[in-house]
C-alpha atoms as a PDB file:
ATOM      1  CA  MET A   1     -55.682  58.367 -65.129  1.00  0.00           C
ATOM      2  CA  ILE A   2     -58.728  60.069 -63.620  1.00  0.00           C
ATOM      3  CA  GLY A   3     -59.732  63.517 -64.831  1.00  0.00           C
ATOM      4  CA  ASP A   4     -58.355  65.744 -67.575  1.00  0.00           C
ATOM      5  CA  VAL A   5     -55.778  64.513 -70.064  1.00  0.00           C
ATOM      6  CA  PRO A   6     -52.925  66.946 -70.768  1.00  0.00           C
ATOM      7  CA  ASN A   7     -53.116  68.738 -74.116  1.00  0.00           C
ATOM      8  CA  VAL A   8     -56.624  67.448 -74.909  1.00  0.00           C
ATOM      9  CA  GLU A   9     -59.560  69.869 -74.895  1.00  0.00           C
ATOM     10  CA  ALA A  10     -63.294  69.164 -74.944  1.00  0.00           C
ATOM     11  CA  GLY A  11     -64.464  69.081 -78.554  1.00  0.00           C
ATOM     12  CA  GLN A  12     -61.273  67.501 -79.910  1.00  0.00           C
ATOM     13  CA  GLU A  13     -62.020  64.913 -82.599  1.00  0.00           C
ATOM     14  CA  PHE A  14     -60.382  61.578 -83.371  1.00  0.00           C
ATOM     15  CA  SER A  15     -60.958  59.665 -86.586  1.00  0.00           C
ATOM     16  CA  THR A  16     -60.479  56.285 -84.833  1.00  0.00           C
ATOM     17  CA  ARG A  17     -60.563  54.804 -81.351  1.00  0.00           C
ATOM     18  CA  ARG A  18     -56.870  53.998 -81.763  1.00  0.00           C
ATOM     19  CA  LEU A  19     -56.119  57.723 -81.927  1.00  0.00           C
ATOM     20  CA  ALA A  20     -58.291  58.355 -78.842  1.00  0.00           C
ATOM     21  CA  HIS A  21     -56.346  55.563 -77.133  1.00  0.00           C
ATOM     22  CA  ASP A  22     -53.008  57.078 -78.151  1.00  0.00           C
ATOM     23  CA  ALA A  23     -54.091  60.464 -76.756  1.00  0.00           C
ATOM     24  CA  GLY A  24     -55.020  58.847 -73.426  1.00  0.00           C
ATOM     25  CA  VAL A  25     -58.681  59.850 -73.638  1.00  0.00           C
ATOM     26  CA  HIS A  26     -60.071  56.280 -73.674  1.00  0.00           C
ATOM     27  CA  ARG A  27     -57.548  53.459 -73.429  1.00  0.00           C
ATOM     28  CA  PRO A  28     -59.584  50.335 -74.425  1.00  0.00           C
ATOM     29  CA  LEU A  29     -59.970  49.735 -78.147  1.00  0.00           C
ATOM     30  CA  GLN A  30     -63.307  47.918 -77.756  1.00  0.00           C
ATOM     31  CA  ALA A  31     -64.738  48.163 -74.219  1.00  0.00           C
ATOM     32  CA  GLY A  32     -67.062  51.091 -73.553  1.00  0.00           C
ATOM     33  CA  ILE A  33     -65.956  51.593 -69.934  1.00  0.00           C
ATOM     34  CA  CYS A  34     -62.358  52.053 -68.819  1.00  0.00           C
ATOM     35  CA  GLY A  35     -61.638  51.519 -65.123  1.00  0.00           C
ATOM     36  CA  THR A  36     -61.849  49.189 -62.141  1.00  0.00           C
ATOM     37  CA  LYS A  37     -63.810  48.999 -58.916  1.00  0.00           C
ATOM     38  CA  LYS A  38     -60.708  50.096 -56.998  1.00  0.00           C
ATOM     39  CA  THR A  39     -59.825  53.144 -59.110  1.00  0.00           C
ATOM     40  CA  GLY A  40     -63.202  54.204 -60.518  1.00  0.00           C
ATOM     41  CA  ALA A  41     -64.076  54.800 -64.162  1.00  0.00           C
ATOM     42  CA  GLU A  42     -61.542  56.795 -66.167  1.00  0.00           C
ATOM     43  CA  SER A  43     -63.739  57.164 -69.252  1.00  0.00           C
ATOM     44  CA  ILE A  44     -66.741  55.882 -71.185  1.00  0.00           C
ATOM     45  CA  VAL A  45     -67.715  55.780 -74.853  1.00  0.00           C
ATOM     46  CA  VAL A  46     -71.245  56.815 -75.846  1.00  0.00           C
ATOM     47  CA  SER A  47     -71.772  55.227 -79.238  1.00  0.00           C
ATOM     48  CA  GLY A  48     -75.242  53.698 -79.446  1.00  0.00           C
ATOM     49  CA  GLY A  49     -74.109  50.293 -78.242  1.00  0.00           C
ATOM     50  CA  TYR A  50     -77.099  49.789 -75.918  1.00  0.00           C
ATOM     51  CA  LYS A  51     -80.735  50.346 -76.853  1.00  0.00           C
ATOM     52  CA  ASP A  52     -81.578  51.867 -73.457  1.00  0.00           C
ATOM     53  CA  ASP A  53     -78.985  54.658 -73.611  1.00  0.00           C
ATOM     54  CA  GLU A  54     -80.301  58.243 -73.614  1.00  0.00           C
ATOM     55  CA  ASP A  55     -78.199  61.253 -74.582  1.00  0.00           C
ATOM     56  CA  TYR A  56     -79.306  64.799 -73.728  1.00  0.00           C
ATOM     57  CA  GLY A  57     -75.993  66.571 -74.184  1.00  0.00           C
ATOM     58  CA  ASP A  58     -75.056  67.688 -70.697  1.00  0.00           C
ATOM     59  CA  VAL A  59     -76.989  64.724 -69.227  1.00  0.00           C
ATOM     60  CA  ILE A  60     -76.377  61.118 -70.266  1.00  0.00           C
ATOM     61  CA  VAL A  61     -78.323  58.045 -69.119  1.00  0.00           C
ATOM     62  CA  TYR A  62     -75.681  55.396 -69.747  1.00  0.00           C
ATOM     63  CA  THR A  63     -76.416  51.674 -69.755  1.00  0.00           C
ATOM     64  CA  GLY A  64     -73.817  49.513 -68.043  1.00  0.00           C
ATOM     65  CA  HIS A  65     -71.852  46.689 -69.602  1.00  0.00           C
ATOM     66  CA  GLY A  66     -72.767  43.047 -70.042  1.00  0.00           C
ATOM     67  CA  GLY A  67     -75.500  40.644 -71.132  1.00  0.00           C
ATOM     68  CA  GLN A  68     -75.441  41.333 -74.893  1.00  0.00           C
ATOM     69  CA  ASP A  69     -75.062  39.009 -77.846  1.00  0.00           C
ATOM     70  CA  GLY A  70     -73.038  39.864 -80.911  1.00  0.00           C
ATOM     71  CA  ALA A  71     -75.999  41.573 -82.577  1.00  0.00           C
ATOM     72  CA  GLY A  72     -76.512  44.176 -79.837  1.00  0.00           C
ATOM     73  CA  ASN A  73     -79.472  42.436 -78.163  1.00  0.00           C
ATOM     74  CA  GLN A  74     -79.721  42.100 -74.396  1.00  0.00           C
ATOM     75  CA  VAL A  75     -79.922  38.336 -73.716  1.00  0.00           C
ATOM     76  CA  SER A  76     -79.159  38.184 -69.983  1.00  0.00           C
ATOM     77  CA  ASP A  77     -79.158  40.337 -66.863  1.00  0.00           C
ATOM     78  CA  GLN A  78     -76.371  42.771 -66.101  1.00  0.00           C
ATOM     79  CA  SER A  79     -74.493  42.721 -62.794  1.00  0.00           C
ATOM     80  CA  LEU A  80     -72.649  45.286 -60.723  1.00  0.00           C
ATOM     81  CA  ASP A  81     -69.907  42.665 -60.356  1.00  0.00           C
ATOM     82  CA  ASP A  82     -68.865  43.490 -63.919  1.00  0.00           C
ATOM     83  CA  SER A  83     -65.630  45.469 -63.621  1.00  0.00           C
ATOM     84  CA  GLY A  84     -66.867  48.341 -65.812  1.00  0.00           C
ATOM     85  CA  ASN A  85     -70.144  48.721 -63.922  1.00  0.00           C
ATOM     86  CA  ALA A  86     -68.328  48.454 -60.589  1.00  0.00           C
ATOM     87  CA  ALA A  87     -65.960  51.205 -61.760  1.00  0.00           C
ATOM     88  CA  LEU A  88     -68.880  53.568 -62.420  1.00  0.00           C
ATOM     89  CA  VAL A  89     -70.301  52.802 -58.962  1.00  0.00           C
ATOM     90  CA  THR A  90     -66.955  53.786 -57.420  1.00  0.00           C
ATOM     91  CA  SER A  91     -66.952  57.003 -59.458  1.00  0.00           C
ATOM     92  CA  TYR A  92     -70.387  57.771 -58.001  1.00  0.00           C
ATOM     93  CA  LEU A  93     -69.461  56.914 -54.414  1.00  0.00           C
ATOM     94  CA  GLU A  94     -66.168  58.817 -54.523  1.00  0.00           C
ATOM     95  CA  GLY A  95     -67.374  61.790 -56.587  1.00  0.00           C
ATOM     96  CA  LEU A  96     -64.768  61.182 -59.295  1.00  0.00           C
ATOM     97  CA  PRO A  97     -64.936  62.770 -62.772  1.00  0.00           C
ATOM     98  CA  VAL A  98     -65.396  60.565 -65.850  1.00  0.00           C
ATOM     99  CA  ARG A  99     -64.178  61.463 -69.353  1.00  0.00           C
ATOM    100  CA  VAL A 100     -66.843  61.098 -72.073  1.00  0.00           C
ATOM    101  CA  LEU A 101     -66.018  60.128 -75.645  1.00  0.00           C
ATOM    102  CA  ARG A 102     -68.907  60.179 -78.135  1.00  0.00           C
ATOM    103  CA  GLY A 103     -68.854  58.016 -81.257  1.00  0.00           C
ATOM    104  CA  TYR A 104     -70.584  58.384 -84.609  1.00  0.00           C
ATOM    105  CA  GLN A 105     -72.571  55.127 -84.266  1.00  0.00           C
ATOM    106  CA  GLY A 106     -76.271  55.218 -83.499  1.00  0.00           C
ATOM    107  CA  ASP A 107     -78.736  58.053 -84.030  1.00  0.00           C
ATOM    108  CA  ALA A 108     -78.144  60.118 -80.882  1.00  0.00           C
ATOM    109  CA  PRO A 109     -78.565  63.862 -81.592  1.00  0.00           C
ATOM    110  CA  TYR A 110     -75.192  64.700 -80.004  1.00  0.00           C
ATOM    111  CA  ALA A 111     -73.138  62.085 -81.857  1.00  0.00           C
ATOM    112  CA  PRO A 112     -70.403  63.343 -84.200  1.00  0.00           C
ATOM    113  CA  THR A 113     -71.021  62.817 -87.900  1.00  0.00           C
ATOM    114  CA  ALA A 114     -67.825  60.769 -88.185  1.00  0.00           C
ATOM    115  CA  GLY A 115     -65.205  59.284 -85.879  1.00  0.00           C
ATOM    116  CA  TYR A 116     -65.102  60.134 -82.185  1.00  0.00           C
ATOM    117  CA  ARG A 117     -65.181  63.352 -80.153  1.00  0.00           C
ATOM    118  CA  TYR A 118     -63.955  63.999 -76.621  1.00  0.00           C
ATOM    119  CA  ASP A 119     -66.690  65.914 -74.801  1.00  0.00           C
ATOM    120  CA  GLY A 120     -65.088  66.641 -71.425  1.00  0.00           C
ATOM    121  CA  LEU A 121     -65.704  65.624 -67.819  1.00  0.00           C
ATOM    122  CA  TYR A 122     -68.982  64.341 -66.381  1.00  0.00           C
ATOM    123  CA  ARG A 123     -69.954  63.211 -62.867  1.00  0.00           C
ATOM    124  CA  VAL A 124     -72.064  60.160 -62.025  1.00  0.00           C
ATOM    125  CA  THR A 125     -75.000  61.611 -60.063  1.00  0.00           C
ATOM    126  CA  SER A 126     -77.149  58.494 -59.598  1.00  0.00           C
ATOM    127  CA  TYR A 127     -77.462  54.893 -60.667  1.00  0.00           C
ATOM    128  CA  GLY A 128     -80.049  52.132 -60.521  1.00  0.00           C
ATOM    129  CA  SER A 129     -81.487  49.010 -62.103  1.00  0.00           C
ATOM    130  CA  LYS A 130     -84.564  48.391 -64.245  1.00  0.00           C
ATOM    131  CA  LEU A 131     -85.902  46.042 -66.906  1.00  0.00           C
ATOM    132  CA  GLY A 132     -84.532  47.157 -70.234  1.00  0.00           C
ATOM    133  CA  ILE A 133     -86.194  47.227 -73.644  1.00  0.00           C
ATOM    134  CA  ASP A 134     -85.261  43.587 -74.261  1.00  0.00           C
ATOM    135  CA  GLY A 135     -86.779  42.457 -70.941  1.00  0.00           C
ATOM    136  CA  PHE A 136     -83.588  41.851 -68.953  1.00  0.00           C
ATOM    137  CA  LEU A 137     -82.208  43.630 -65.892  1.00  0.00           C
ATOM    138  CA  ILE A 138     -79.849  46.464 -66.756  1.00  0.00           C
ATOM    139  CA  TRP A 139     -77.930  48.969 -64.665  1.00  0.00           C
ATOM    140  CA  GLN A 140     -78.030  52.589 -65.710  1.00  0.00           C
ATOM    141  CA  PHE A 141     -75.886  55.522 -64.650  1.00  0.00           C
ATOM    142  CA  ARG A 142     -76.908  59.172 -64.925  1.00  0.00           C
ATOM    143  CA  LEU A 143     -73.951  61.391 -65.787  1.00  0.00           C
ATOM    144  CA  GLU A 144     -74.068  65.187 -65.728  1.00  0.00           C
ATOM    145  CA  ALA A 145     -71.485  67.504 -67.241  1.00  0.00           C
ATOM    146  CA  TYR A 146     -69.372  69.650 -64.954  1.00  0.00           C
ATOM    147  CA  ASP A 147     -70.222  73.335 -65.067  1.00  0.00           C
ATOM    148  CA  ASP A 148     -67.143  74.144 -67.162  1.00  0.00           C
ATOM    149  CA  THR A 149     -67.785  71.317 -69.655  1.00  0.00           C
ATOM    150  CA  PRO A 150     -69.245  72.777 -72.873  1.00  0.00           C
ATOM    151  CA  THR A 151     -72.477  71.217 -74.135  1.00  0.00           C
ATOM    152  CA  PRO A 152     -71.946  69.718 -77.602  1.00  0.00           C
ATOM    153  CA  GLN A 153     -74.053  70.961 -80.493  1.00  0.00           C
ATOM    154  CA  ALA A 154     -77.065  68.844 -81.421  1.00  0.00           C
ATOM    155  CA  ALA A 155     -78.883  68.361 -84.706  1.00  0.00           C
ATOM    156  CA  GLN A 156     -82.116  68.649 -82.734  1.00  0.00           C
ATOM    157  CA  GLN A 157     -82.652  69.355 -79.069  1.00  0.00           C
ATOM    158  CA  PRO A 158     -84.073  66.305 -77.244  1.00  0.00           C
ATOM    159  CA  GLU A 159     -86.419  66.731 -74.308  1.00  0.00           C
ATOM    160  CA  LEU A 160     -84.648  66.147 -71.024  1.00  0.00           C
ATOM    161  CA  PRO A 161     -86.371  63.571 -68.789  1.00  0.00           C
ATOM    162  CA  ASN A 162     -88.017  64.888 -65.634  1.00  0.00           C
ATOM    163  CA  ALA A 163     -87.627  68.481 -66.835  1.00  0.00           C
ATOM    164  CA  PRO A 164     -88.775  71.046 -64.236  1.00  0.00           C
ATOM    165  CA  VAL A 165     -92.160  72.649 -64.789  1.00  0.00           C
ATOM    166  CA  GLY A 166     -92.050  76.415 -65.305  1.00  0.00           C
ATOM    167  CA  PRO A 167     -94.422  79.287 -66.148  1.00  0.00           C
ATOM    168  CA  GLY A 168     -96.323  78.591 -69.345  1.00  0.00           C
ATOM    169  CA  ALA A 169     -95.539  74.868 -69.325  1.00  0.00           C
ATOM    170  CA  PRO A 170     -98.435  72.521 -70.115  1.00  0.00           C
ATOM    171  CA  ALA A 171    -100.267  70.950 -67.203  1.00  0.00           C
ATOM    172  CA  VAL A 172     -98.842  67.653 -66.010  1.00  0.00           C
ATOM    173  CA  THR A 173    -101.403  64.883 -65.611  1.00  0.00           C
ATOM    174  CA  GLY A 174     -99.008  62.192 -64.437  1.00  0.00           C
ATOM    175  CA  ASN A 175     -98.449  58.629 -65.555  1.00  0.00           C
ATOM    176  CA  GLU A 176    -100.418  55.689 -64.177  1.00  0.00           C
ATOM    177  CA  THR A 177     -97.687  53.229 -65.184  1.00  0.00           C
ATOM    178  CA  PRO A 178     -94.384  55.066 -64.766  1.00  0.00           C
ATOM    179  CA  ASP A 179     -91.058  53.384 -65.372  1.00  0.00           C
ATOM    180  CA  ARG A 180     -89.422  52.314 -62.133  1.00  0.00           C
ATOM    181  CA  ILE A 181     -85.744  52.597 -61.450  1.00  0.00           C
ATOM    182  CA  THR A 182     -84.095  51.863 -58.089  1.00  0.00           C
ATOM    183  CA  SER A 183     -81.621  54.662 -57.559  1.00  0.00           C
ATOM    184  CA  THR A 184     -79.240  56.026 -54.963  1.00  0.00           C
ATOM    185  CA  VAL A 185     -78.564  59.760 -54.711  1.00  0.00           C
ATOM    186  CA  GLN A 186     -75.735  61.564 -52.944  1.00  0.00           C
ATOM    187  CA  ARG A 187     -74.522  65.110 -52.581  1.00  0.00           C
ATOM    188  CA  ILE A 188     -72.191  66.065 -55.411  1.00  0.00           C
ATOM    189  CA  VAL A 189     -68.716  65.947 -53.877  1.00  0.00           C
ATOM    190  CA  ARG A 190     -65.486  65.712 -55.854  1.00  0.00           C
ATOM    191  CA  SER A 191     -63.290  63.537 -53.662  1.00  0.00           C
ATOM    192  CA  SER A 192     -59.593  64.309 -53.285  1.00  0.00           C
ATOM    193  CA  ALA A 193     -56.835  61.721 -52.998  1.00  0.00           C
ATOM    194  CA  VAL A 194     -56.404  62.725 -49.330  1.00  0.00           C
ATOM    195  CA  LYS A 195     -60.074  62.047 -48.541  1.00  0.00           C
ATOM    196  CA  ARG A 196     -59.993  58.754 -50.421  1.00  0.00           C
ATOM    197  CA  GLN A 197     -56.974  57.632 -48.406  1.00  0.00           C
ATOM    198  CA  VAL A 198     -58.660  58.370 -45.076  1.00  0.00           C
ATOM    199  CA  LYS A 199     -61.879  56.648 -46.143  1.00  0.00           C
ATOM    200  CA  ALA A 200     -59.893  53.608 -47.273  1.00  0.00           C
ATOM    201  CA  TRP A 201     -58.085  53.403 -43.934  1.00  0.00           C
ATOM    202  CA  HIS A 202     -61.424  53.311 -42.131  1.00  0.00           C
ATOM    203  CA  ASP A 203     -63.181  51.110 -44.707  1.00  0.00           C
ATOM    204  CA  ASN A 204     -65.946  53.739 -45.061  1.00  0.00           C
ATOM    205  CA  ARG A 205     -66.960  53.357 -41.386  1.00  0.00           C
ATOM    206  CA  CYS A 206     -67.844  56.572 -39.541  1.00  0.00           C
ATOM    207  CA  GLN A 207     -65.258  57.489 -36.905  1.00  0.00           C
ATOM    208  CA  VAL A 208     -67.943  59.022 -34.673  1.00  0.00           C
ATOM    209  CA  CYS A 209     -71.007  56.752 -34.827  1.00  0.00           C
ATOM    210  CA  ASP A 210     -69.409  53.649 -36.432  1.00  0.00           C
ATOM    211  CA  LEU A 211     -72.018  53.544 -39.226  1.00  0.00           C
ATOM    212  CA  ARG A 212     -71.011  51.972 -42.543  1.00  0.00           C
ATOM    213  CA  ILE A 213     -73.554  52.755 -45.259  1.00  0.00           C
ATOM    214  CA  GLU A 214     -74.006  49.836 -47.657  1.00  0.00           C
ATOM    215  CA  VAL A 215     -75.352  50.513 -51.148  1.00  0.00           C
ATOM    216  CA  PRO A 216     -75.580  48.277 -54.220  1.00  0.00           C
ATOM    217  CA  GLY A 217     -72.036  47.698 -55.403  1.00  0.00           C
ATOM    218  CA  GLY A 218     -70.161  49.182 -52.445  1.00  0.00           C
ATOM    219  CA  SER A 219     -70.239  51.370 -49.358  1.00  0.00           C
ATOM    220  CA  TYR A 220     -70.392  55.130 -48.844  1.00  0.00           C
ATOM    221  CA  SER A 221     -68.790  57.615 -46.501  1.00  0.00           C
ATOM    222  CA  GLU A 222     -67.564  61.204 -46.684  1.00  0.00           C
ATOM    223  CA  GLY A 223     -64.193  62.771 -46.032  1.00  0.00           C
ATOM    224  CA  ALA A 224     -64.687  65.721 -43.686  1.00  0.00           C
ATOM    225  CA  HIS A 225     -62.090  68.406 -43.030  1.00  0.00           C
ATOM    226  CA  ILE A 226     -61.823  69.227 -39.329  1.00  0.00           C
ATOM    227  CA  ARG A 227     -60.391  72.687 -39.931  1.00  0.00           C
ATOM    228  CA  ALA A 228     -62.156  74.076 -43.001  1.00  0.00           C
ATOM    229  CA  LEU A 229     -60.164  74.759 -46.150  1.00  0.00           C
ATOM    230  CA  GLY A 230     -59.934  78.238 -47.604  1.00  0.00           C
ATOM    231  CA  SER A 231     -60.260  81.680 -46.071  1.00  0.00           C
ATOM    232  CA  PRO A 232     -60.692  82.513 -43.247  1.00  0.00           C
ATOM    233  CA  HIS A 233     -59.883  79.112 -41.714  1.00  0.00           C
ATOM    234  CA  ASN A 234     -57.089  78.032 -44.091  1.00  0.00           C
ATOM    235  CA  GLY A 235     -56.976  74.418 -42.993  1.00  0.00           C
ATOM    236  CA  PRO A 236     -54.395  72.085 -44.572  1.00  0.00           C
ATOM    237  CA  ASP A 237     -55.467  69.403 -47.044  1.00  0.00           C
ATOM    238  CA  ILE A 238     -53.680  66.580 -45.211  1.00  0.00           C
ATOM    239  CA  THR A 239     -54.873  63.256 -43.808  1.00  0.00           C
ATOM    240  CA  GLY A 240     -54.489  64.548 -40.244  1.00  0.00           C
ATOM    241  CA  ASN A 241     -57.153  67.186 -40.958  1.00  0.00           C
ATOM    242  CA  VAL A 242     -59.673  64.737 -42.457  1.00  0.00           C
ATOM    243  CA  LEU A 243     -62.135  62.381 -40.759  1.00  0.00           C
ATOM    244  CA  CYS A 244     -64.109  59.530 -42.293  1.00  0.00           C
ATOM    245  CA  LEU A 245     -67.730  60.276 -41.403  1.00  0.00           C
ATOM    246  CA  CYS A 246     -71.258  59.320 -42.363  1.00  0.00           C
ATOM    247  CA  PRO A 247     -73.260  62.167 -43.995  1.00  0.00           C
ATOM    248  CA  ASN A 248     -75.114  62.955 -40.738  1.00  0.00           C
ATOM    249  CA  CYS A 249     -71.975  63.281 -38.647  1.00  0.00           C
ATOM    250  CA  HIS A 250     -70.306  65.276 -41.439  1.00  0.00           C
ATOM    251  CA  VAL A 251     -73.084  67.872 -41.295  1.00  0.00           C
ATOM    252  CA  LEU A 252     -72.926  67.935 -37.484  1.00  0.00           C
ATOM    253  CA  LEU A 253     -69.154  68.476 -37.533  1.00  0.00           C
ATOM    254  CA  ASP A 254     -69.353  71.261 -40.120  1.00  0.00           C
ATOM    255  CA  ALA A 255     -72.123  73.002 -38.137  1.00  0.00           C
ATOM    256  CA  GLY A 256     -70.323  72.720 -34.790  1.00  0.00           C
ATOM    257  CA  ALA A 257     -72.775  70.246 -33.231  1.00  0.00           C
ATOM    258  CA  ILE A 258     -69.866  67.806 -32.968  1.00  0.00           C
ATOM    259  CA  VAL A 259     -66.598  68.931 -31.349  1.00  0.00           C
ATOM    260  CA  ILE A 260     -63.553  66.870 -30.426  1.00  0.00           C
ATOM    261  CA  GLU A 261     -61.322  67.213 -27.369  1.00  0.00           C
ATOM    262  CA  ASP A 262     -57.537  66.773 -27.362  1.00  0.00           C
ATOM    263  CA  ASP A 263     -57.952  63.266 -25.938  1.00  0.00           C
ATOM    264  CA  LEU A 264     -60.274  62.538 -28.909  1.00  0.00           C
ATOM    265  CA  THR A 265     -63.439  62.316 -26.828  1.00  0.00           C
ATOM    266  CA  VAL A 266     -66.434  63.470 -28.864  1.00  0.00           C
ATOM    267  CA  THR A 267     -69.135  65.873 -27.723  1.00  0.00           C
ATOM    268  CA  ARG A 268     -72.335  65.820 -29.786  1.00  0.00           C
ATOM    269  CA  GLY A 269     -75.070  68.326 -29.060  1.00  0.00           C
ATOM    270  CA  GLY A 270     -73.433  69.149 -25.724  1.00  0.00           C
ATOM    271  CA  GLN A 271     -73.456  65.501 -24.608  1.00  0.00           C
ATOM    272  CA  SER A 272     -70.600  63.015 -24.450  1.00  0.00           C
ATOM    273  CA  ALA A 273     -70.629  60.659 -27.460  1.00  0.00           C
ATOM    274  CA  GLY A 274     -67.650  58.440 -26.677  1.00  0.00           C
ATOM    275  CA  ILE A 275     -64.168  58.348 -28.195  1.00  0.00           C
ATOM    276  CA  LEU A 276     -63.296  59.069 -31.816  1.00  0.00           C
ATOM    277  CA  ARG A 277     -62.487  55.747 -33.466  1.00  0.00           C
ATOM    278  CA  THR A 278     -58.927  55.803 -34.799  1.00  0.00           C
ATOM    279  CA  ASP A 279     -56.539  53.754 -36.926  1.00  0.00           C
ATOM    280  CA  PRO A 280     -52.761  53.412 -36.396  1.00  0.00           C
ATOM    281  CA  ARG A 281     -52.144  54.748 -39.902  1.00  0.00           C
ATOM    282  CA  HIS A 282     -54.254  57.848 -39.313  1.00  0.00           C
ATOM    283  CA  THR A 283     -52.787  60.449 -36.955  1.00  0.00           C
ATOM    284  CA  ILE A 284     -55.211  63.262 -36.124  1.00  0.00           C
ATOM    285  CA  ASP A 285     -53.749  66.776 -36.233  1.00  0.00           C
ATOM    286  CA  LEU A 286     -54.607  68.212 -32.816  1.00  0.00           C
ATOM    287  CA  GLU A 287     -53.944  71.789 -33.941  1.00  0.00           C
ATOM    288  CA  CYS A 288     -56.799  71.385 -36.438  1.00  0.00           C
ATOM    289  CA  VAL A 289     -58.964  69.849 -33.707  1.00  0.00           C
ATOM    290  CA  ARG A 290     -58.310  72.839 -31.441  1.00  0.00           C
ATOM    291  CA  HIS A 291     -59.040  75.318 -34.224  1.00  0.00           C
ATOM    292  CA  HIS A 292     -62.381  73.646 -34.913  1.00  0.00           C
ATOM    293  CA  ARG A 293     -63.220  73.496 -31.207  1.00  0.00           C
ATOM    294  CA  ASP A 294     -62.331  77.139 -30.625  1.00  0.00           C
ATOM    295  CA  ARG A 295     -64.481  78.123 -33.590  1.00  0.00           C
ATOM    296  CA  TRP A 296     -67.578  76.470 -32.161  1.00  0.00           C
ATOM    297  CA  ARG A 297     -67.034  76.508 -28.390  1.00  0.00           C
ATOM    298  CA  GLN A 298     -69.922  78.388 -26.767  1.00  0.00           C
END
């Protein structure tokens, strides 16, 4: 299950992982990541299991799974093929929320003093690889709390990495040998089941320009509503009102630089741009197409 668990609030404590399992917060009794590449990550446990983890309360730098010996030392490289790491990549690409359970192990300032604590929903905002403390390749995922997720109390406030410089802050001289991490950044979008279905039908290939964006561990596209949701447009959240687009074409559609005719020919910037690529499973709602066209027709 992705997202909130019924009858469980952020801050709720569990004396054992079995009780967290029984409540549906984190189902595995040992693994730190719950999920698959297909579904995304349901939940993670932050419990000091990896030396490279960093916990700043509403921001977590979480080390992926794999490559450790029984003593907690990294002895081989990690891979995005690992099901847990692949699940976190999918959560990033699809904008899916991840439940965070913190454990008492380790010396992180936000860890509970005993047992485990559910700390709410976080989003994966970037990920990348680097050489870890033990000298092997690791994958790390930056998770940020949703706005309505309360920040847990800390024994001492750690300094957030890459904190913005403000008035009165000390001068920054830089770092001649900075750590390097290869990362991928997207707009923060919480994907709906309708958008995910359309993107799956088109295998993340843009219906306008045919671009499929490949990133480490998967591919990326965006679900774009033809007729905007909410007032004053009040478009329906159905597959017929959603297109699978690359980020560029999504922006162009939302800004009216792309319009679609009833025969599904595409006009981009006033010039013909071919025919909208379709799939037999995906029927486009022409009423939504007309509403969008009427909104932007000059």
